[in-house]
C-alpha atoms as a PDB file:
ATOM      1  CA  UNK A   1       0.000   0.000   0.000  1.00  0.00           C
ATOM      2  CA  UNK A   2       1.396   3.340  -1.018  1.00  0.00           C
ATOM      3  CA  UNK A   3       0.937   6.011   1.628  1.00  0.00           C
ATOM      4  CA  UNK A   4      -1.780   8.462   0.629  1.00  0.00           C
ATOM      5  CA  UNK A   5      -1.980  10.283   3.914  1.00  0.00           C
ATOM      6  CA  UNK A   6      -4.747  10.034   6.464  1.00  0.00           C
ATOM      7  CA  UNK A   7      -8.493  10.637   6.108  1.00  0.00           C
ATOM      8  CA  UNK A   8     -11.634   9.881   8.073  1.00  0.00           C
ATOM      9  CA  UNK A   9     -13.049   6.679   6.594  1.00  0.00           C
ATOM     10  CA  UNK A  10     -16.627   7.243   5.335  1.00  0.00           C
ATOM     11  CA  UNK A  11     -17.897   3.796   6.379  1.00  0.00           C
ATOM     12  CA  UNK A  12     -16.617   4.324   9.937  1.00  0.00           C
ATOM     13  CA  UNK A  13     -18.319   7.706  10.089  1.00  0.00           C
ATOM     14  CA  UNK A  14     -21.628   6.274   8.851  1.00  0.00           C
ATOM     15  CA  UNK A  15     -21.539   3.211  11.076  1.00  0.00           C
ATOM     16  CA  UNK A  16     -20.065   4.677  14.291  1.00  0.00           C
ATOM     17  CA  UNK A  17     -19.676   8.449  13.795  1.00  0.00           C
ATOM     18  CA  UNK A  18     -15.952   7.723  14.114  1.00  0.00           C
ATOM     19  CA  UNK A  19     -14.018  10.682  12.703  1.00  0.00           C
ATOM     20  CA  UNK A  20     -10.503   9.441  13.512  1.00  0.00           C
ATOM     21  CA  UNK A  21      -8.261   9.761  10.503  1.00  0.00           C
ATOM     22  CA  UNK A  22      -6.612   6.582   9.317  1.00  0.00           C
ATOM     23  CA  UNK A  23      -3.879   5.901   6.773  1.00  0.00           C
ATOM     24  CA  UNK A  24      -5.078   5.328   3.218  1.00  0.00           C
ATOM     25  CA  UNK A  25      -3.354   4.425  -0.029  1.00  0.00           C
ATOM     26  CA  UNK A  26      -2.914   6.890  -2.866  1.00  0.00           C
ATOM     27  CA  UNK A  27      -5.786   5.151  -4.641  1.00  0.00           C
ATOM     28  CA  UNK A  28      -7.970   5.435  -1.523  1.00  0.00           C
ATOM     29  CA  UNK A  29      -7.181   9.126  -1.201  1.00  0.00           C
ATOM     30  CA  UNK A  30      -7.920   9.676  -4.897  1.00  0.00           C
ATOM     31  CA  UNK A  31     -11.318   7.962  -4.511  1.00  0.00           C
ATOM     32  CA  UNK A  32     -12.073   9.996  -1.401  1.00  0.00           C
ATOM     33  CA  UNK A  33     -11.176  13.294  -3.075  1.00  0.00           C
ATOM     34  CA  UNK A  34     -13.152  12.432  -6.221  1.00  0.00           C
ATOM     35  CA  UNK A  35     -16.283  11.493  -4.271  1.00  0.00           C
ATOM     36  CA  UNK A  36     -16.397  13.619  -1.116  1.00  0.00           C
ATOM     37  CA  UNK A  37     -18.795  16.176  -2.670  1.00  0.00           C
ATOM     38  CA  UNK A  38     -21.150  13.586  -4.185  1.00  0.00           C
ATOM     39  CA  UNK A  39     -24.353  12.817  -2.300  1.00  0.00           C
ATOM     40  CA  UNK A  40     -23.861   9.059  -2.039  1.00  0.00           C
ATOM     41  CA  UNK A  41     -24.735   8.333   1.589  1.00  0.00           C
ATOM     42  CA  UNK A  42     -28.331   7.636   2.578  1.00  0.00           C
ATOM     43  CA  UNK A  43     -28.287   7.655   6.383  1.00  0.00           C
ATOM     44  CA  UNK A  44     -31.803   6.192   6.641  1.00  0.00           C
ATOM     45  CA  UNK A  45     -30.755   3.161   4.583  1.00  0.00           C
ATOM     46  CA  UNK A  46     -27.204   2.736   5.896  1.00  0.00           C
ATOM     47  CA  UNK A  47     -27.628   3.409   9.616  1.00  0.00           C
ATOM     48  CA  UNK A  48     -30.827   5.124  10.749  1.00  0.00           C
ATOM     49  CA  UNK A  49     -29.767   4.709  14.409  1.00  0.00           C
ATOM     50  CA  UNK A  50     -27.187   7.411  13.819  1.00  0.00           C
ATOM     51  CA  UNK A  51     -29.979   9.981  14.079  1.00  0.00           C
ATOM     52  CA  UNK A  52     -30.626   8.806  17.642  1.00  0.00           C
ATOM     53  CA  UNK A  53     -26.965   8.770  18.662  1.00  0.00           C
ATOM     54  CA  UNK A  54     -25.797  11.997  17.013  1.00  0.00           C
ATOM     55  CA  UNK A  55     -27.882  15.004  18.121  1.00  0.00           C
ATOM     56  CA  UNK A  56     -26.398  17.260  15.425  1.00  0.00           C
ATOM     57  CA  UNK A  57     -27.481  14.804  12.732  1.00  0.00           C
ATOM     58  CA  UNK A  58     -31.005  14.592  14.174  1.00  0.00           C
ATOM     59  CA  UNK A  59     -31.172  18.403  14.268  1.00  0.00           C
ATOM     60  CA  UNK A  60     -30.091  18.496  10.620  1.00  0.00           C
ATOM     61  CA  UNK A  61     -32.735  15.921   9.675  1.00  0.00           C
ATOM     62  CA  UNK A  62     -35.449  18.016  11.325  1.00  0.00           C
ATOM     63  CA  UNK A  63     -34.248  21.186   9.599  1.00  0.00           C
ATOM     64  CA  UNK A  64     -34.248  19.426   6.235  1.00  0.00           C
ATOM     65  CA  UNK A  65     -37.733  18.061   6.896  1.00  0.00           C
ATOM     66  CA  UNK A  66     -38.997  21.587   7.627  1.00  0.00           C
ATOM     67  CA  UNK A  67     -37.223  22.930   4.566  1.00  0.00           C
ATOM     68  CA  UNK A  68     -38.877  20.255   2.445  1.00  0.00           C
ATOM     69  CA  UNK A  69     -42.296  21.292   3.749  1.00  0.00           C
ATOM     70  CA  UNK A  70     -41.790  25.035   3.331  1.00  0.00           C
ATOM     71  CA  UNK A  71     -40.448  24.479  -0.194  1.00  0.00           C
ATOM     72  CA  UNK A  72     -43.865  23.160  -1.226  1.00  0.00           C
ATOM     73  CA  UNK A  73     -45.297  26.580  -0.429  1.00  0.00           C
ATOM     74  CA  UNK A  74     -42.468  28.404  -2.182  1.00  0.00           C
ATOM     75  CA  UNK A  75     -42.930  26.381  -5.357  1.00  0.00           C
ATOM     76  CA  UNK A  76     -46.569  27.511  -5.554  1.00  0.00           C
ATOM     77  CA  UNK A  77     -45.478  31.140  -5.351  1.00  0.00           C
ATOM     78  CA  UNK A  78     -44.145  33.341  -8.154  1.00  0.00           C
ATOM     79  CA  UNK A  79     -41.553  31.712 -10.376  1.00  0.00           C
ATOM     80  CA  UNK A  80     -38.921  34.201  -9.216  1.00  0.00           C
ATOM     81  CA  UNK A  81     -39.384  33.088  -5.600  1.00  0.00           C
ATOM     82  CA  UNK A  82     -39.053  29.413  -6.498  1.00  0.00           C
ATOM     83  CA  UNK A  83     -36.005  30.195  -8.630  1.00  0.00           C
ATOM     84  CA  UNK A  84     -34.391  32.160  -5.791  1.00  0.00           C
ATOM     85  CA  UNK A  85     -34.940  29.201  -3.458  1.00  0.00           C
ATOM     86  CA  UNK A  86     -33.382  26.799  -5.974  1.00  0.00           C
ATOM     87  CA  UNK A  87     -30.436  29.150  -6.446  1.00  0.00           C
ATOM     88  CA  UNK A  88     -29.818  29.287  -2.695  1.00  0.00           C
ATOM     89  CA  UNK A  89     -29.737  25.476  -2.503  1.00  0.00           C
ATOM     90  CA  UNK A  90     -27.739  24.868  -5.683  1.00  0.00           C
ATOM     91  CA  UNK A  91     -25.863  22.578  -6.224  1.00  0.00           C
ATOM     92  CA  UNK A  92     -27.303  20.666  -3.271  1.00  0.00           C
ATOM     93  CA  UNK A  93     -30.978  20.375  -4.241  1.00  0.00           C
ATOM     94  CA  UNK A  94     -30.995  16.959  -2.543  1.00  0.00           C
ATOM     95  CA  UNK A  95     -30.868  18.748   0.838  1.00  0.00           C
ATOM     96  CA  UNK A  96     -34.555  19.470   0.221  1.00  0.00           C
ATOM     97  CA  UNK A  97     -35.643  16.667  -2.072  1.00  0.00           C
ATOM     98  CA  UNK A  98     -34.088  13.687  -0.244  1.00  0.00           C
ATOM     99  CA  UNK A  99     -33.640  14.551   3.422  1.00  0.00           C
ATOM    100  CA  UNK A 100     -31.583  11.444   4.255  1.00  0.00           C
ATOM    101  CA  UNK A 101     -29.011  11.868   1.472  1.00  0.00           C
ATOM    102  CA  UNK A 102     -25.582  13.301   2.326  1.00  0.00           C
ATOM    103  CA  UNK A 103     -22.193  13.786   0.781  1.00  0.00           C
ATOM    104  CA  UNK A 104     -19.182  13.146   2.980  1.00  0.00           C
ATOM    105  CA  UNK A 105     -18.564  16.900   3.009  1.00  0.00           C
ATOM    106  CA  UNK A 106     -22.139  17.396   4.275  1.00  0.00           C
ATOM    107  CA  UNK A 107     -21.425  15.040   7.173  1.00  0.00           C
ATOM    108  CA  UNK A 108     -18.282  17.019   7.987  1.00  0.00           C
ATOM    109  CA  UNK A 109     -20.428  20.165   7.944  1.00  0.00           C
ATOM    110  CA  UNK A 110     -22.935  18.503  10.299  1.00  0.00           C
ATOM    111  CA  UNK A 111     -20.077  17.702  12.665  1.00  0.00           C
ATOM    112  CA  UNK A 112     -18.836  21.314  12.595  1.00  0.00           C
ATOM    113  CA  UNK A 113     -22.335  22.837  12.750  1.00  0.00           C
ATOM    114  CA  UNK A 114     -21.932  24.595   9.395  1.00  0.00           C
ATOM    115  CA  UNK A 115     -24.749  22.702   7.652  1.00  0.00           C
ATOM    116  CA  UNK A 116     -27.226  23.386  10.451  1.00  0.00           C
ATOM    117  CA  UNK A 117     -26.325  27.071  10.312  1.00  0.00           C
ATOM    118  CA  UNK A 118     -26.848  27.198   6.541  1.00  0.00           C
ATOM    119  CA  UNK A 119     -30.159  25.323   6.738  1.00  0.00           C
ATOM    120  CA  UNK A 120     -31.406  27.484   9.622  1.00  0.00           C
ATOM    121  CA  UNK A 121     -30.633  30.644   7.655  1.00  0.00           C
ATOM    122  CA  UNK A 122     -32.372  29.321   4.534  1.00  0.00           C
ATOM    123  CA  UNK A 123     -35.353  28.120   6.566  1.00  0.00           C
ATOM    124  CA  UNK A 124     -35.770  31.502   8.293  1.00  0.00           C
ATOM    125  CA  UNK A 125     -35.612  33.290   4.942  1.00  0.00           C
ATOM    126  CA  UNK A 126     -38.130  30.863   3.414  1.00  0.00           C
ATOM    127  CA  UNK A 127     -40.590  30.958   6.320  1.00  0.00           C
ATOM    128  CA  UNK A 128     -40.386  34.741   6.365  1.00  0.00           C
ATOM    129  CA  UNK A 129     -41.397  34.809   2.712  1.00  0.00           C
ATOM    130  CA  UNK A 130     -44.283  32.373   3.285  1.00  0.00           C
ATOM    131  CA  UNK A 131     -45.582  34.456   6.198  1.00  0.00           C
ATOM    132  CA  UNK A 132     -45.428  37.759   4.289  1.00  0.00           C
ATOM    133  CA  UNK A 133     -46.272  36.636   0.743  1.00  0.00           C
ATOM    134  CA  UNK A 134     -49.244  38.365  -0.818  1.00  0.00           C
END
């Protein structure tokens, strides 16, 4: 095995929320770097218990659920409002459309709190529009 440095292993994160970095080969690192932004991980299918054991992940799930619901209202509004909402989510439309789907980068952002912050901001903006739309 050629040394490729150390990374957190996605399967260990999904199964145990284990973020310890471990040595990987060059090929392993290349795969990781090529796929870390792709939404490939369905938490509900792979390990739904993670929601129970990781409060930040459960908070993110609830925020995404709310965002999914409020988006239904936004998509019935003017086209410009729906387009603005899509633009704010792009390129991660799956955050609304499939609430259990994550990229590895998304999981890192859950761990740091960055994804919850982004979703909270988008949700506040969206709810504000729904409440004041005429």
